[in-house]
Amino acid sequence: MMTHKELIAKMRSQPGYKEKYDEAAPEFELLRKMLEARKRAGLTQEQVAEKMGTKATAITRLESANSEHSPKVETLRRYAEAVGCRLNIELIPD
């Protein structure tokens, strides 16, 4: 059986890995910030769901890197409000 470290090394050696990794970086950064905000607010996924008027499974999908769809801006705004934040989207020049 391959260790986690070995698996990562194998993945990194694959052609196109860096490009795919760099492409996904903003999504992972958003997910990290969402989890930090929820933790800072001291809320569970169930509590956030209740504040948003949805189900905990929807929050699980929203906070998951395995999601096959991008959330709407309105959903992100409601999530931000539920965890005591405001949504700020910006475009940063290269």
PDB file of N, CA and C in Angstrom:
ATOM      1  N   MET A   1       0.847  -1.181   0.000  1.00  0.00           N
ATOM      2  CA  MET A   1       0.000   0.000   0.000  1.00  0.00           C
ATOM      3  C   MET A   1       0.891   1.243   0.000  1.00  0.00           C
ATOM      4  N   MET A   2       0.472   2.233  -0.766  1.00  0.00           N
ATOM      5  CA  MET A   2       1.212   3.475  -0.913  1.00  0.00           C
ATOM      6  C   MET A   2       0.878   4.422   0.237  1.00  0.00           C
ATOM      7  N   THR A   3       1.885   5.097   0.752  1.00  0.00           N
ATOM      8  CA  THR A   3       1.641   6.088   1.797  1.00  0.00           C
ATOM      9  C   THR A   3       1.089   7.369   1.156  1.00  0.00           C
ATOM     10  N   HIS A   4       0.556   8.239   1.980  1.00  0.00           N
ATOM     11  CA  HIS A   4       0.035   9.513   1.490  1.00  0.00           C
ATOM     12  C   HIS A   4       1.146  10.318   0.821  1.00  0.00           C
ATOM     13  N   LYS A   5       2.298  10.342   1.432  1.00  0.00           N
ATOM     14  CA  LYS A   5       3.447  11.082   0.900  1.00  0.00           C
ATOM     15  C   LYS A   5       3.854  10.533  -0.470  1.00  0.00           C
ATOM     16  N   GLU A   6       3.850   9.226  -0.614  1.00  0.00           N
ATOM     17  CA  GLU A   6       4.198   8.590  -1.890  1.00  0.00           C
ATOM     18  C   GLU A   6       3.147   8.906  -2.954  1.00  0.00           C
ATOM     19  N   LEU A   7       1.887   8.896  -2.554  1.00  0.00           N
ATOM     20  CA  LEU A   7       0.808   9.202  -3.485  1.00  0.00           C
ATOM     21  C   LEU A   7       0.930  10.635  -4.000  1.00  0.00           C
ATOM     22  N   ILE A   8       1.208  11.568  -3.112  1.00  0.00           N
ATOM     23  CA  ILE A   8       1.380  12.970  -3.509  1.00  0.00           C
ATOM     24  C   ILE A   8       2.560  13.097  -4.469  1.00  0.00           C
ATOM     25  N   ALA A   9       3.657  12.437  -4.163  1.00  0.00           N
ATOM     26  CA  ALA A   9       4.835  12.486  -5.038  1.00  0.00           C
ATOM     27  C   ALA A   9       4.496  11.926  -6.414  1.00  0.00           C
ATOM     28  N   LYS A  10       3.757  10.842  -6.457  1.00  0.00           N
ATOM     29  CA  LYS A  10       3.363  10.238  -7.731  1.00  0.00           C
ATOM     30  C   LYS A  10       2.464  11.191  -8.517  1.00  0.00           C
ATOM     31  N   MET A  11       1.509  11.807  -7.827  1.00  0.00           N
ATOM     32  CA  MET A  11       0.606  12.744  -8.498  1.00  0.00           C
ATOM     33  C   MET A  11       1.371  13.934  -9.060  1.00  0.00           C
ATOM     34  N   ARG A  12       2.317  14.452  -8.294  1.00  0.00           N
ATOM     35  CA  ARG A  12       3.099  15.614  -8.728  1.00  0.00           C
ATOM     36  C   ARG A  12       3.948  15.314  -9.953  1.00  0.00           C
ATOM     37  N   SER A  13       4.286  14.059 -10.161  1.00  0.00           N
ATOM     38  CA  SER A  13       5.120  13.688 -11.301  1.00  0.00           C
ATOM     39  C   SER A  13       4.305  13.534 -12.589  1.00  0.00           C
ATOM     40  N   GLN A  14       2.992  13.564 -12.480  1.00  0.00           N
ATOM     41  CA  GLN A  14       2.130  13.403 -13.647  1.00  0.00           C
ATOM     42  C   GLN A  14       2.146  14.670 -14.509  1.00  0.00           C
ATOM     43  N   PRO A  15       2.133  14.489 -15.835  1.00  0.00           N
ATOM     44  CA  PRO A  15       2.082  15.664 -16.724  1.00  0.00           C
ATOM     45  C   PRO A  15       0.808  16.473 -16.465  1.00  0.00           C
ATOM     46  N   GLY A  16       0.948  17.777 -16.433  1.00  0.00           N
ATOM     47  CA  GLY A  16      -0.202  18.657 -16.248  1.00  0.00           C
ATOM     48  C   GLY A  16      -0.630  18.863 -14.810  1.00  0.00           C
ATOM     49  N   TYR A  17       0.050  18.204 -13.865  1.00  0.00           N
ATOM     50  CA  TYR A  17      -0.349  18.321 -12.455  1.00  0.00           C
ATOM     51  C   TYR A  17      -0.277  19.770 -11.972  1.00  0.00           C
ATOM     52  N   LYS A  18       0.845  20.441 -12.220  1.00  0.00           N
ATOM     53  CA  LYS A  18       1.029  21.807 -11.715  1.00  0.00           C
ATOM     54  C   LYS A  18      -0.041  22.741 -12.268  1.00  0.00           C
ATOM     55  N   GLU A  19      -0.352  22.605 -13.554  1.00  0.00           N
ATOM     56  CA  GLU A  19      -1.363  23.464 -14.159  1.00  0.00           C
ATOM     57  C   GLU A  19      -2.731  23.238 -13.499  1.00  0.00           C
ATOM     58  N   LYS A  20      -3.103  21.985 -13.288  1.00  0.00           N
ATOM     59  CA  LYS A  20      -4.386  21.668 -12.649  1.00  0.00           C
ATOM     60  C   LYS A  20      -4.404  22.145 -11.205  1.00  0.00           C
ATOM     61  N   TYR A  21      -3.282  21.972 -10.510  1.00  0.00           N
ATOM     62  CA  TYR A  21      -3.177  22.411  -9.117  1.00  0.00           C
ATOM     63  C   TYR A  21      -3.341  23.928  -9.035  1.00  0.00           C
ATOM     64  N   ASP A  22      -2.625  24.643  -9.902  1.00  0.00           N
ATOM     65  CA  ASP A  22      -2.701  26.106  -9.905  1.00  0.00           C
ATOM     66  C   ASP A  22      -4.107  26.580 -10.262  1.00  0.00           C
ATOM     67  N   GLU A  23      -4.767  25.868 -11.161  1.00  0.00           N
ATOM     68  CA  GLU A  23      -6.125  26.219 -11.573  1.00  0.00           C
ATOM     69  C   GLU A  23      -7.112  26.084 -10.409  1.00  0.00           C
ATOM     70  N   ALA A  24      -6.912  25.093  -9.563  1.00  0.00           N
ATOM     71  CA  ALA A  24      -7.819  24.833  -8.444  1.00  0.00           C
ATOM     72  C   ALA A  24      -7.490  25.659  -7.197  1.00  0.00           C
ATOM     73  N   ALA A  25      -6.351  26.321  -7.166  1.00  0.00           N
ATOM     74  CA  ALA A  25      -5.898  27.039  -5.972  1.00  0.00           C
ATOM     75  C   ALA A  25      -6.913  28.055  -5.442  1.00  0.00           C
ATOM     76  N   PRO A  26      -7.550  28.883  -6.292  1.00  0.00           N
ATOM     77  CA  PRO A  26      -8.516  29.845  -5.746  1.00  0.00           C
ATOM     78  C   PRO A  26      -9.700  29.167  -5.057  1.00  0.00           C
ATOM     79  N   GLU A  27     -10.169  28.046  -5.601  1.00  0.00           N
ATOM     80  CA  GLU A  27     -11.282  27.329  -4.976  1.00  0.00           C
ATOM     81  C   GLU A  27     -10.874  26.795  -3.606  1.00  0.00           C
ATOM     82  N   PHE A  28      -9.684  26.223  -3.512  1.00  0.00           N
ATOM     83  CA  PHE A  28      -9.214  25.706  -2.226  1.00  0.00           C
ATOM     84  C   PHE A  28      -9.028  26.827  -1.211  1.00  0.00           C
ATOM     85  N   GLU A  29      -8.583  27.986  -1.676  1.00  0.00           N
ATOM     86  CA  GLU A  29      -8.418  29.138  -0.783  1.00  0.00           C
ATOM     87  C   GLU A  29      -9.777  29.585  -0.250  1.00  0.00           C
ATOM     88  N   LEU A  30     -10.787  29.633  -1.121  1.00  0.00           N
ATOM     89  CA  LEU A  30     -12.136  29.996  -0.685  1.00  0.00           C
ATOM     90  C   LEU A  30     -12.653  28.992   0.343  1.00  0.00           C
ATOM     91  N   LEU A  31     -12.483  27.706   0.073  1.00  0.00           N
ATOM     92  CA  LEU A  31     -12.942  26.673   1.010  1.00  0.00           C
ATOM     93  C   LEU A  31     -12.251  26.822   2.367  1.00  0.00           C
ATOM     94  N   ARG A  32     -10.944  27.081   2.346  1.00  0.00           N
ATOM     95  CA  ARG A  32     -10.198  27.265   3.596  1.00  0.00           C
ATOM     96  C   ARG A  32     -10.757  28.444   4.381  1.00  0.00           C
ATOM     97  N   LYS A  33     -11.042  29.542   3.681  1.00  0.00           N
ATOM     98  CA  LYS A  33     -11.575  30.725   4.356  1.00  0.00           C
ATOM     99  C   LYS A  33     -12.977  30.474   4.902  1.00  0.00           C
ATOM    100  N   MET A  34     -13.782  29.728   4.169  1.00  0.00           N
ATOM    101  CA  MET A  34     -15.132  29.416   4.646  1.00  0.00           C
ATOM    102  C   MET A  34     -15.069  28.594   5.929  1.00  0.00           C
ATOM    103  N   LEU A  35     -14.227  27.581   5.942  1.00  0.00           N
ATOM    104  CA  LEU A  35     -14.097  26.735   7.137  1.00  0.00           C
ATOM    105  C   LEU A  35     -13.564  27.528   8.328  1.00  0.00           C
ATOM    106  N   GLU A  36     -12.590  28.403   8.066  1.00  0.00           N
ATOM    107  CA  GLU A  36     -12.056  29.248   9.137  1.00  0.00           C
ATOM    108  C   GLU A  36     -13.142  30.155   9.709  1.00  0.00           C
ATOM    109  N   ALA A  37     -13.960  30.735   8.834  1.00  0.00           N
ATOM    110  CA  ALA A  37     -15.025  31.643   9.287  1.00  0.00           C
ATOM    111  C   ALA A  37     -16.058  30.896  10.119  1.00  0.00           C
ATOM    112  N   ARG A  38     -16.424  29.698   9.671  1.00  0.00           N
ATOM    113  CA  ARG A  38     -17.412  28.920  10.437  1.00  0.00           C
ATOM    114  C   ARG A  38     -16.844  28.541  11.797  1.00  0.00           C
ATOM    115  N   LYS A  39     -15.581  28.146  11.801  1.00  0.00           N
ATOM    116  CA  LYS A  39     -14.936  27.759  13.066  1.00  0.00           C
ATOM    117  C   LYS A  39     -14.840  28.967  14.003  1.00  0.00           C
ATOM    118  N   ARG A  40     -14.458  30.107  13.446  1.00  0.00           N
ATOM    119  CA  ARG A  40     -14.348  31.341  14.244  1.00  0.00           C
ATOM    120  C   ARG A  40     -15.705  31.724  14.834  1.00  0.00           C
ATOM    121  N   ALA A  41     -16.769  31.463  14.087  1.00  0.00           N
ATOM    122  CA  ALA A  41     -18.124  31.769  14.566  1.00  0.00           C
ATOM    123  C   ALA A  41     -18.620  30.731  15.564  1.00  0.00           C
ATOM    124  N   GLY A  42     -17.886  29.616  15.689  1.00  0.00           N
ATOM    125  CA  GLY A  42     -18.277  28.578  16.637  1.00  0.00           C
ATOM    126  C   GLY A  42     -19.528  27.828  16.225  1.00  0.00           C
ATOM    127  N   LEU A  43     -19.738  27.690  14.923  1.00  0.00           N
ATOM    128  CA  LEU A  43     -20.962  27.067  14.421  1.00  0.00           C
ATOM    129  C   LEU A  43     -20.682  25.713  13.776  1.00  0.00           C
ATOM    130  N   THR A  44     -21.655  24.834  13.876  1.00  0.00           N
ATOM    131  CA  THR A  44     -21.601  23.558  13.164  1.00  0.00           C
ATOM    132  C   THR A  44     -22.227  23.759  11.783  1.00  0.00           C
ATOM    133  N   GLN A  45     -22.051  22.778  10.917  1.00  0.00           N
ATOM    134  CA  GLN A  45     -22.704  22.847   9.616  1.00  0.00           C
ATOM    135  C   GLN A  45     -24.223  22.904   9.772  1.00  0.00           C
ATOM    136  N   GLU A  46     -24.731  22.164  10.745  1.00  0.00           N
ATOM    137  CA  GLU A  46     -26.172  22.164  10.992  1.00  0.00           C
ATOM    138  C   GLU A  46     -26.665  23.558  11.389  1.00  0.00           C
ATOM    139  N   GLN A  47     -25.900  24.243  12.215  1.00  0.00           N
ATOM    140  CA  GLN A  47     -26.297  25.581  12.657  1.00  0.00           C
ATOM    141  C   GLN A  47     -26.249  26.584  11.502  1.00  0.00           C
ATOM    142  N   VAL A  48     -25.226  26.465  10.656  1.00  0.00           N
ATOM    143  CA  VAL A  48     -25.140  27.345   9.492  1.00  0.00           C
ATOM    144  C   VAL A  48     -26.325  27.080   8.562  1.00  0.00           C
ATOM    145  N   ALA A  49     -26.628  25.808   8.354  1.00  0.00           N
ATOM    146  CA  ALA A  49     -27.762  25.434   7.503  1.00  0.00           C
ATOM    147  C   ALA A  49     -29.058  26.043   8.030  1.00  0.00           C
ATOM    148  N   GLU A  50     -29.254  25.962   9.333  1.00  0.00           N
ATOM    149  CA  GLU A  50     -30.472  26.520   9.938  1.00  0.00           C
ATOM    150  C   GLU A  50     -30.552  28.023   9.691  1.00  0.00           C
ATOM    151  N   LYS A  51     -29.436  28.721   9.863  1.00  0.00           N
ATOM    152  CA  LYS A  51     -29.409  30.169   9.647  1.00  0.00           C
ATOM    153  C   LYS A  51     -29.675  30.520   8.182  1.00  0.00           C
ATOM    154  N   MET A  52     -29.263  29.628   7.276  1.00  0.00           N
ATOM    155  CA  MET A  52     -29.449  29.876   5.848  1.00  0.00           C
ATOM    156  C   MET A  52     -30.782  29.356   5.326  1.00  0.00           C
ATOM    157  N   GLY A  53     -31.501  28.607   6.172  1.00  0.00           N
ATOM    158  CA  GLY A  53     -32.768  28.042   5.733  1.00  0.00           C
ATOM    159  C   GLY A  53     -32.602  26.888   4.764  1.00  0.00           C
ATOM    160  N   THR A  54     -31.569  26.073   4.996  1.00  0.00           N
ATOM    161  CA  THR A  54     -31.299  24.931   4.126  1.00  0.00           C
ATOM    162  C   THR A  54     -30.956  23.722   4.977  1.00  0.00           C
ATOM    163  N   LYS A  55     -30.485  22.659   4.345  1.00  0.00           N
ATOM    164  CA  LYS A  55     -30.137  21.433   5.059  1.00  0.00           C
ATOM    165  C   LYS A  55     -28.623  21.339   5.261  1.00  0.00           C
ATOM    166  N   ALA A  56     -28.225  20.614   6.288  1.00  0.00           N
ATOM    167  CA  ALA A  56     -26.803  20.444   6.586  1.00  0.00           C
ATOM    168  C   ALA A  56     -26.059  19.802   5.422  1.00  0.00           C
ATOM    169  N   THR A  57     -26.722  18.923   4.674  1.00  0.00           N
ATOM    170  CA  THR A  57     -26.056  18.289   3.528  1.00  0.00           C
ATOM    171  C   THR A  57     -25.673  19.327   2.474  1.00  0.00           C
ATOM    172  N   ALA A  58     -26.468  20.386   2.354  1.00  0.00           N
ATOM    173  CA  ALA A  58     -26.134  21.457   1.407  1.00  0.00           C
ATOM    174  C   ALA A  58     -24.863  22.177   1.848  1.00  0.00           C
ATOM    175  N   ILE A  59     -24.701  22.358   3.156  1.00  0.00           N
ATOM    176  CA  ILE A  59     -23.496  23.013   3.681  1.00  0.00           C
ATOM    177  C   ILE A  59     -22.289  22.094   3.494  1.00  0.00           C
ATOM    178  N   THR A  60     -22.488  20.811   3.701  1.00  0.00           N
ATOM    179  CA  THR A  60     -21.408  19.851   3.480  1.00  0.00           C
ATOM    180  C   THR A  60     -20.920  19.941   2.039  1.00  0.00           C
ATOM    181  N   ARG A  61     -21.859  19.966   1.091  1.00  0.00           N
ATOM    182  CA  ARG A  61     -21.477  20.078  -0.327  1.00  0.00           C
ATOM    183  C   ARG A  61     -20.785  21.406  -0.589  1.00  0.00           C
ATOM    184  N   LEU A  62     -21.293  22.482  -0.007  1.00  0.00           N
ATOM    185  CA  LEU A  62     -20.728  23.811  -0.205  1.00  0.00           C
ATOM    186  C   LEU A  62     -19.284  23.883   0.295  1.00  0.00           C
ATOM    187  N   GLU A  63     -19.008  23.215   1.411  1.00  0.00           N
ATOM    188  CA  GLU A  63     -17.669  23.252   2.008  1.00  0.00           C
ATOM    189  C   GLU A  63     -16.755  22.150   1.469  1.00  0.00           C
ATOM    190  N   SER A  64     -17.220  21.409   0.494  1.00  0.00           N
ATOM    191  CA  SER A  64     -16.461  20.270  -0.017  1.00  0.00           C
ATOM    192  C   SER A  64     -15.680  20.622  -1.273  1.00  0.00           C
ATOM    193  N   ALA A  65     -14.438  20.199  -1.309  1.00  0.00           N
ATOM    194  CA  ALA A  65     -13.612  20.391  -2.499  1.00  0.00           C
ATOM    195  C   ALA A  65     -14.025  19.431  -3.604  1.00  0.00           C
ATOM    196  N   ASN A  66     -14.873  18.460  -3.298  1.00  0.00           N
ATOM    197  CA  ASN A  66     -15.300  17.487  -4.291  1.00  0.00           C
ATOM    198  C   ASN A  66     -16.577  17.908  -5.007  1.00  0.00           C
ATOM    199  N   SER A  67     -17.032  19.101  -4.738  1.00  0.00           N
ATOM    200  CA  SER A  67     -18.277  19.569  -5.351  1.00  0.00           C
ATOM    201  C   SER A  67     -18.122  19.652  -6.860  1.00  0.00           C
ATOM    202  N   GLU A  68     -19.159  19.238  -7.572  1.00  0.00           N
ATOM    203  CA  GLU A  68     -19.112  19.270  -9.031  1.00  0.00           C
ATOM    204  C   GLU A  68     -19.744  20.535  -9.601  1.00  0.00           C
ATOM    205  N   HIS A  69     -20.168  21.421  -8.752  1.00  0.00           N
ATOM    206  CA  HIS A  69     -20.746  22.670  -9.233  1.00  0.00           C
ATOM    207  C   HIS A  69     -20.224  23.829  -8.402  1.00  0.00           C
ATOM    208  N   SER A  70     -20.213  24.983  -9.020  1.00  0.00           N
ATOM    209  CA  SER A  70     -19.786  26.185  -8.312  1.00  0.00           C
ATOM    210  C   SER A  70     -21.004  26.832  -7.670  1.00  0.00           C
ATOM    211  N   PRO A  71     -20.863  27.282  -6.431  1.00  0.00           N
ATOM    212  CA  PRO A  71     -22.003  27.921  -5.770  1.00  0.00           C
ATOM    213  C   PRO A  71     -22.299  29.289  -6.381  1.00  0.00           C
ATOM    214  N   LYS A  72     -23.538  29.697  -6.295  1.00  0.00           N
ATOM    215  CA  LYS A  72     -23.935  31.025  -6.755  1.00  0.00           C
ATOM    216  C   LYS A  72     -23.406  32.056  -5.768  1.00  0.00           C
ATOM    217  N   VAL A  73     -23.191  33.258  -6.251  1.00  0.00           N
ATOM    218  CA  VAL A  73     -22.729  34.353  -5.394  1.00  0.00           C
ATOM    219  C   VAL A  73     -23.718  34.577  -4.258  1.00  0.00           C
ATOM    220  N   GLU A  74     -25.013  34.483  -4.541  1.00  0.00           N
ATOM    221  CA  GLU A  74     -26.029  34.676  -3.501  1.00  0.00           C
ATOM    222  C   GLU A  74     -25.878  33.640  -2.385  1.00  0.00           C
ATOM    223  N   THR A  75     -25.557  32.407  -2.749  1.00  0.00           N
ATOM    224  CA  THR A  75     -25.356  31.359  -1.743  1.00  0.00           C
ATOM    225  C   THR A  75     -24.141  31.682  -0.883  1.00  0.00           C
ATOM    226  N   LEU A  76     -23.073  32.140  -1.501  1.00  0.00           N
ATOM    227  CA  LEU A  76     -21.873  32.518  -0.744  1.00  0.00           C
ATOM    228  C   LEU A  76     -22.168  33.702   0.181  1.00  0.00           C
ATOM    229  N   ARG A  77     -22.983  34.647  -0.301  1.00  0.00           N
ATOM    230  CA  ARG A  77     -23.351  35.794   0.532  1.00  0.00           C
ATOM    231  C   ARG A  77     -24.148  35.350   1.749  1.00  0.00           C
ATOM    232  N   ARG A  78     -25.097  34.452   1.545  1.00  0.00           N
ATOM    233  CA  ARG A  78     -25.905  33.943   2.665  1.00  0.00           C
ATOM    234  C   ARG A  78     -25.037  33.158   3.649  1.00  0.00           C
ATOM    235  N   TYR A  79     -24.092  32.373   3.139  1.00  0.00           N
ATOM    236  CA  TYR A  79     -23.167  31.630   3.997  1.00  0.00           C
ATOM    237  C   TYR A  79     -22.354  32.620   4.835  1.00  0.00           C
ATOM    238  N   ALA A  80     -21.811  33.643   4.167  1.00  0.00           N
ATOM    239  CA  ALA A  80     -21.001  34.649   4.868  1.00  0.00           C
ATOM    240  C   ALA A  80     -21.803  35.292   6.002  1.00  0.00           C
ATOM    241  N   GLU A  81     -23.026  35.682   5.709  1.00  0.00           N
ATOM    242  CA  GLU A  81     -23.875  36.291   6.745  1.00  0.00           C
ATOM    243  C   GLU A  81     -24.137  35.319   7.893  1.00  0.00           C
ATOM    244  N   ALA A  82     -24.351  34.048   7.563  1.00  0.00           N
ATOM    245  CA  ALA A  82     -24.643  33.044   8.594  1.00  0.00           C
ATOM    246  C   ALA A  82     -23.480  32.857   9.561  1.00  0.00           C
ATOM    247  N   VAL A  83     -22.258  33.071   9.071  1.00  0.00           N
ATOM    248  CA  VAL A  83     -21.080  32.895   9.943  1.00  0.00           C
ATOM    249  C   VAL A  83     -20.537  34.240  10.430  1.00  0.00           C
ATOM    250  N   GLY A  84     -21.342  35.280  10.289  1.00  0.00           N
ATOM    251  CA  GLY A  84     -20.965  36.596  10.828  1.00  0.00           C
ATOM    252  C   GLY A  84     -19.937  37.339   9.996  1.00  0.00           C
ATOM    253  N   CYS A  85     -19.971  37.152   8.699  1.00  0.00           N
ATOM    254  CA  CYS A  85     -19.029  37.822   7.798  1.00  0.00           C
ATOM    255  C   CYS A  85     -19.792  38.522   6.687  1.00  0.00           C
ATOM    256  N   ARG A  86     -19.074  39.241   5.858  1.00  0.00           N
ATOM    257  CA  ARG A  86     -19.656  39.773   4.632  1.00  0.00           C
ATOM    258  C   ARG A  86     -18.811  39.262   3.481  1.00  0.00           C
ATOM    259  N   LEU A  87     -19.442  39.049   2.365  1.00  0.00           N
ATOM    260  CA  LEU A  87     -18.760  38.532   1.183  1.00  0.00           C
ATOM    261  C   LEU A  87     -18.078  39.663   0.444  1.00  0.00           C
ATOM    262  N   ASN A  88     -16.826  39.449   0.065  1.00  0.00           N
ATOM    263  CA  ASN A  88     -16.077  40.424  -0.702  1.00  0.00           C
ATOM    264  C   ASN A  88     -15.396  39.672  -1.842  1.00  0.00           C
ATOM    265  N   ILE A  89     -15.809  39.959  -3.057  1.00  0.00           N
ATOM    266  CA  ILE A  89     -15.200  39.320  -4.224  1.00  0.00           C
ATOM    267  C   ILE A  89     -14.391  40.379  -4.947  1.00  0.00           C
ATOM    268  N   GLU A  90     -13.181  40.028  -5.313  1.00  0.00           N
ATOM    269  CA  GLU A  90     -12.346  41.003  -6.010  1.00  0.00           C
ATOM    270  C   GLU A  90     -11.583  40.350  -7.141  1.00  0.00           C
ATOM    271  N   LEU A  91     -11.246  41.152  -8.122  1.00  0.00           N
ATOM    272  CA  LEU A  91     -10.414  40.708  -9.231  1.00  0.00           C
ATOM    273  C   LEU A  91      -9.037  41.324  -9.027  1.00  0.00           C
ATOM    274  N   ILE A  92      -8.022  40.490  -9.063  1.00  0.00           N
ATOM    275  CA  ILE A  92      -6.662  40.931  -8.792  1.00  0.00           C
ATOM    276  C   ILE A  92      -5.854  40.819 -10.079  1.00  0.00           C
ATOM    277  N   PRO A  93      -5.299  41.934 -10.564  1.00  0.00           N
ATOM    278  CA  PRO A  93      -4.507  41.868 -11.800  1.00  0.00           C
ATOM    279  C   PRO A  93      -3.271  40.981 -11.635  1.00  0.00           C
ATOM    280  N   ASP A  94      -2.920  40.308 -12.703  1.00  0.00           N
ATOM    281  CA  ASP A  94      -1.694  39.470 -12.693  1.00  0.00           C
ATOM    282  C   ASP A  94      -0.477  40.341 -12.741  1.00  0.00           C
TER     283      ASP A  94
END
